[in-house]
Amino acid sequence: MTRTATITRKTAETDITVTINLDGSGVYDNITGVGFFDHMLDQLSRHALIDMHIRATGDLHIDDHHTVEDVGIALGQALTQALGDKRGIRRYGACHLAMDDAQVRTALDLSGRPYLICNLDLPFGKIGTFDTELVREFFQALSTHGGITLHIDRLHGFNAHHIAEAAFKSVARALREAVETDPRKADAIPSTKGSL
């Protein structure tokens, strides 16, 4: 079974296509028109070992908000589609990730019940031209449309770039663990309910 998906999302504000392969090797080709965000998406792909091809055009003349949020929506939908009934996955993932001054802890559950706790408290409003509040907006959209219970906490850190990048990498490593096939239960839904 190939765990791949392509989602196209077109609105008056954005035009986005996301293609993913959950069983890839972290090959990425992401172009959204938002440089820092592309860098974060590349980290997400590389460290989750999810092949990711994203093309997005949006109303960047207004700001980056719609583009970042809508990519999160489309990526969450792609994850949901690629996971199917979630048979055989580990379901849970966690990672403590250090990057220079920053340490971020992520715990997640591919439960189908979206919930976001995001305690990053980024110390500055901008990373270059990127609004740091959009980090949370992306993870909110990913959690909601991917059906992910997602907790992200900054334990240490004073450099906003390092904190944001550690968050994306930590989420990536936790996601990698959660989507992997559990060799002891590769034929089972990981829930006593029988469905997720």
Protein backbone atom coordinates (compact mmCIF):
# COMPACT_ATOMS: atom_id res chain seq x y z
CA MET A 1 0.00 0.00 0.00
CA THR A 2 1.41 3.38 -0.97
CA ARG A 3 0.74 6.10 1.55
CA THR A 4 0.67 9.09 -0.73
CA ALA A 5 -1.72 11.98 -1.29
CA THR A 6 -2.18 15.06 -3.41
CA ILE A 7 -4.41 17.91 -2.25
CA THR A 8 -5.28 20.97 -4.29
CA ARG A 9 -6.84 23.95 -2.54
CA LYS A 10 -7.93 26.99 -4.52
CA THR A 11 -9.63 30.02 -2.99
CA ALA A 12 -9.87 33.72 -3.77
CA GLU A 13 -6.78 34.14 -1.58
CA THR A 14 -4.52 31.18 -2.41
CA ASP A 15 -3.86 28.42 -4.95
CA ILE A 16 -2.05 25.47 -3.38
CA THR A 17 -1.03 21.96 -4.36
CA VAL A 18 0.53 19.61 -1.80
CA THR A 19 1.87 16.13 -2.63
CA ILE A 20 3.31 13.89 0.08
CA ASN A 21 4.70 10.37 0.45
CA LEU A 22 4.74 9.16 4.05
CA ASP A 23 7.22 6.40 3.19
CA GLY A 24 9.73 8.67 1.50
CA SER A 25 13.22 9.74 2.48
CA GLY A 26 12.65 13.42 3.18
CA VAL A 27 12.99 14.71 -0.38
CA TYR A 28 11.44 18.16 -0.64
CA ASP A 29 10.61 20.81 -3.21
CA ASN A 30 8.60 23.56 -1.53
CA ILE A 31 7.90 26.97 -3.03
CA THR A 32 5.33 29.23 -1.37
CA GLY A 33 6.78 32.67 -2.01
CA VAL A 34 7.54 33.02 1.72
CA GLY A 35 11.25 32.33 2.14
CA PHE A 36 11.43 31.54 5.85
CA PHE A 37 8.31 29.38 5.63
CA ASP A 38 9.81 27.40 2.74
CA HIS A 39 12.87 26.79 4.94
CA MET A 40 10.61 25.49 7.74
CA LEU A 41 8.65 23.23 5.37
CA ASP A 42 11.95 21.82 4.10
CA GLN A 43 12.93 21.02 7.71
CA LEU A 44 9.55 19.37 8.31
CA SER A 45 9.99 17.16 5.26
CA ARG A 46 13.62 16.28 5.86
CA HIS A 47 13.28 15.36 9.52
CA ALA A 48 9.92 13.56 9.20
CA LEU A 49 11.29 11.58 6.22
CA ILE A 50 8.11 12.55 4.37
CA ASP A 51 8.65 13.45 0.72
CA MET A 52 6.94 16.78 0.17
CA HIS A 53 6.23 18.83 -2.95
CA ILE A 54 4.36 22.08 -2.29
CA ARG A 55 3.45 24.87 -4.67
CA ALA A 56 1.56 27.86 -3.34
CA THR A 57 0.67 31.25 -4.70
CA GLY A 58 -1.18 33.64 -2.46
CA ASP A 59 -2.07 37.24 -1.77
CA LEU A 60 1.39 38.09 -0.45
CA HIS A 61 0.79 41.74 -1.36
CA ILE A 62 -1.50 41.76 1.70
CA ASP A 63 0.65 39.61 3.97
CA ASP A 64 1.80 35.99 4.41
CA HIS A 65 -1.09 34.89 6.64
CA HIS A 66 -3.43 33.27 4.09
CA THR A 67 -0.59 31.43 2.35
CA VAL A 68 0.89 29.99 5.55
CA GLU A 69 -2.48 28.99 7.02
CA ASP A 70 -3.79 27.47 3.80
CA VAL A 71 -0.63 25.42 3.28
CA GLY A 72 -1.20 24.08 6.81
CA ILE A 73 -4.78 23.20 5.89
CA ALA A 74 -3.77 21.42 2.68
CA LEU A 75 -0.87 19.59 4.35
CA GLY A 76 -3.15 18.41 7.16
CA GLN A 77 -5.68 17.16 4.60
CA ALA A 78 -2.91 15.36 2.71
CA LEU A 79 -1.75 13.64 5.90
CA THR A 80 -5.30 12.51 6.65
CA GLN A 81 -5.72 11.14 3.12
CA ALA A 82 -2.33 9.39 3.06
CA LEU A 83 -2.91 7.74 6.47
CA GLY A 84 -6.24 6.25 5.40
CA ASP A 85 -7.74 4.22 8.27
CA LYS A 86 -4.38 4.48 10.13
CA ARG A 87 -4.01 0.72 10.28
CA GLY A 88 -0.58 -0.34 11.53
CA ILE A 89 0.78 3.08 12.52
CA ARG A 90 2.46 3.79 15.83
CA ARG A 91 0.00 6.69 16.30
CA TYR A 92 1.99 8.53 18.99
CA GLY A 93 5.21 10.46 18.64
CA ALA A 94 7.39 12.67 20.80
CA CYS A 95 10.68 14.53 20.54
CA HIS A 96 12.84 16.79 22.68
CA LEU A 97 14.94 18.72 20.20
CA ALA A 98 17.87 21.01 20.93
CA MET A 99 19.09 23.65 18.51
CA ASP A 100 21.77 25.91 19.97
CA ASP A 101 20.03 28.01 22.68
CA ALA A 102 16.59 26.53 21.93
CA GLN A 103 15.03 23.32 23.22
CA VAL A 104 11.51 22.40 22.10
CA ARG A 105 9.43 19.44 23.21
CA THR A 106 6.68 17.99 21.01
CA ALA A 107 4.19 15.26 21.81
CA LEU A 108 1.48 14.28 19.34
CA ASP A 109 -1.29 11.80 18.76
CA LEU A 110 -2.78 11.03 15.34
CA SER A 111 -6.08 10.56 17.13
CA GLY A 112 -8.47 12.21 14.70
CA ARG A 113 -9.24 14.67 17.51
CA PRO A 114 -7.54 17.97 16.72
CA TYR A 115 -6.21 19.94 19.65
CA LEU A 116 -3.28 22.35 19.75
CA ILE A 117 -1.22 23.48 22.71
CA CYS A 118 1.51 25.79 21.41
CA ASN A 119 3.70 27.40 24.06
CA LEU A 120 6.57 28.78 22.02
CA ASP A 121 6.38 32.40 23.24
CA LEU A 122 8.57 33.63 20.39
CA PRO A 123 10.42 36.66 21.76
CA PHE A 124 10.19 38.84 18.63
CA GLY A 125 7.41 39.69 16.20
CA LYS A 126 9.50 39.08 13.09
CA ILE A 127 12.10 36.66 11.77
CA GLY A 128 13.38 38.68 8.84
CA THR A 129 10.10 39.69 7.18
CA PHE A 130 8.18 36.68 8.53
CA ASP A 131 5.53 37.31 11.22
CA THR A 132 6.32 34.92 14.07
CA GLU A 133 2.62 34.60 15.01
CA LEU A 134 2.23 32.60 11.78
CA VAL A 135 4.15 29.68 13.31
CA ARG A 136 1.18 29.03 15.57
CA GLU A 137 -1.29 29.63 12.71
CA PHE A 138 0.44 26.95 10.64
CA PHE A 139 0.41 24.39 13.44
CA GLN A 140 -3.23 25.20 14.24
CA ALA A 141 -4.24 24.52 10.61
CA LEU A 142 -2.10 21.36 10.47
CA SER A 143 -3.58 20.05 13.73
CA THR A 144 -7.18 20.86 12.79
CA HIS A 145 -7.12 19.41 9.28
CA GLY A 146 -4.76 16.54 10.09
CA GLY A 147 -6.80 15.44 13.10
CA ILE A 148 -3.74 15.75 15.32
CA THR A 149 -3.56 16.32 19.06
CA LEU A 150 -0.39 18.43 19.04
CA HIS A 151 1.49 19.83 22.03
CA ILE A 152 4.55 22.01 21.38
CA ASP A 153 6.48 23.62 24.24
CA ARG A 154 9.57 25.79 24.33
CA LEU A 155 11.71 24.70 27.26
CA HIS A 156 14.60 27.09 26.55
CA GLY A 157 15.58 29.63 23.96
CA PHE A 158 16.05 33.32 23.21
CA ASN A 159 16.71 33.36 19.46
CA ALA A 160 13.37 33.42 17.59
CA HIS A 161 14.79 31.74 14.47
CA HIS A 162 16.23 28.90 16.54
CA ILE A 163 13.02 28.43 18.54
CA ALA A 164 10.83 28.32 15.42
CA GLU A 165 13.17 25.98 13.58
CA ALA A 166 13.49 23.70 16.61
CA ALA A 167 9.68 23.57 16.75
CA PHE A 168 9.36 22.47 13.12
CA LYS A 169 12.13 19.90 13.52
CA SER A 170 10.67 18.58 16.77
CA VAL A 171 7.21 18.24 15.22
CA ALA A 172 8.83 16.52 12.24
CA ARG A 173 10.63 13.93 14.38
CA ALA A 174 7.49 13.23 16.40
CA LEU A 175 5.44 12.92 13.20
CA ARG A 176 8.02 10.54 11.73
CA GLU A 177 7.62 8.27 14.74
CA ALA A 178 3.81 8.45 14.75
CA VAL A 179 3.28 7.60 11.05
CA GLU A 180 5.76 4.72 11.05
CA THR A 181 4.45 1.18 10.81
CA ASP A 182 4.50 -0.67 14.11
CA PRO A 183 6.13 -4.02 13.29
CA ARG A 184 4.32 -5.70 16.21
CA LYS A 185 0.85 -4.52 15.11
CA ALA A 186 1.13 -3.78 11.39
CA ASP A 187 -2.39 -5.11 10.72
CA ALA A 188 -4.24 -3.40 13.57
CA ILE A 189 -5.88 -0.05 14.20
CA PRO A 190 -4.00 1.44 17.19
CA SER A 191 -7.08 2.00 19.36
CA THR A 192 -9.29 -0.10 21.63
CA LYS A 193 -12.25 1.50 19.84
CA GLY A 194 -11.30 -0.22 16.59
CA SER A 195 -11.14 3.01 14.63
CA LEU A 196 -9.42 6.39 14.67
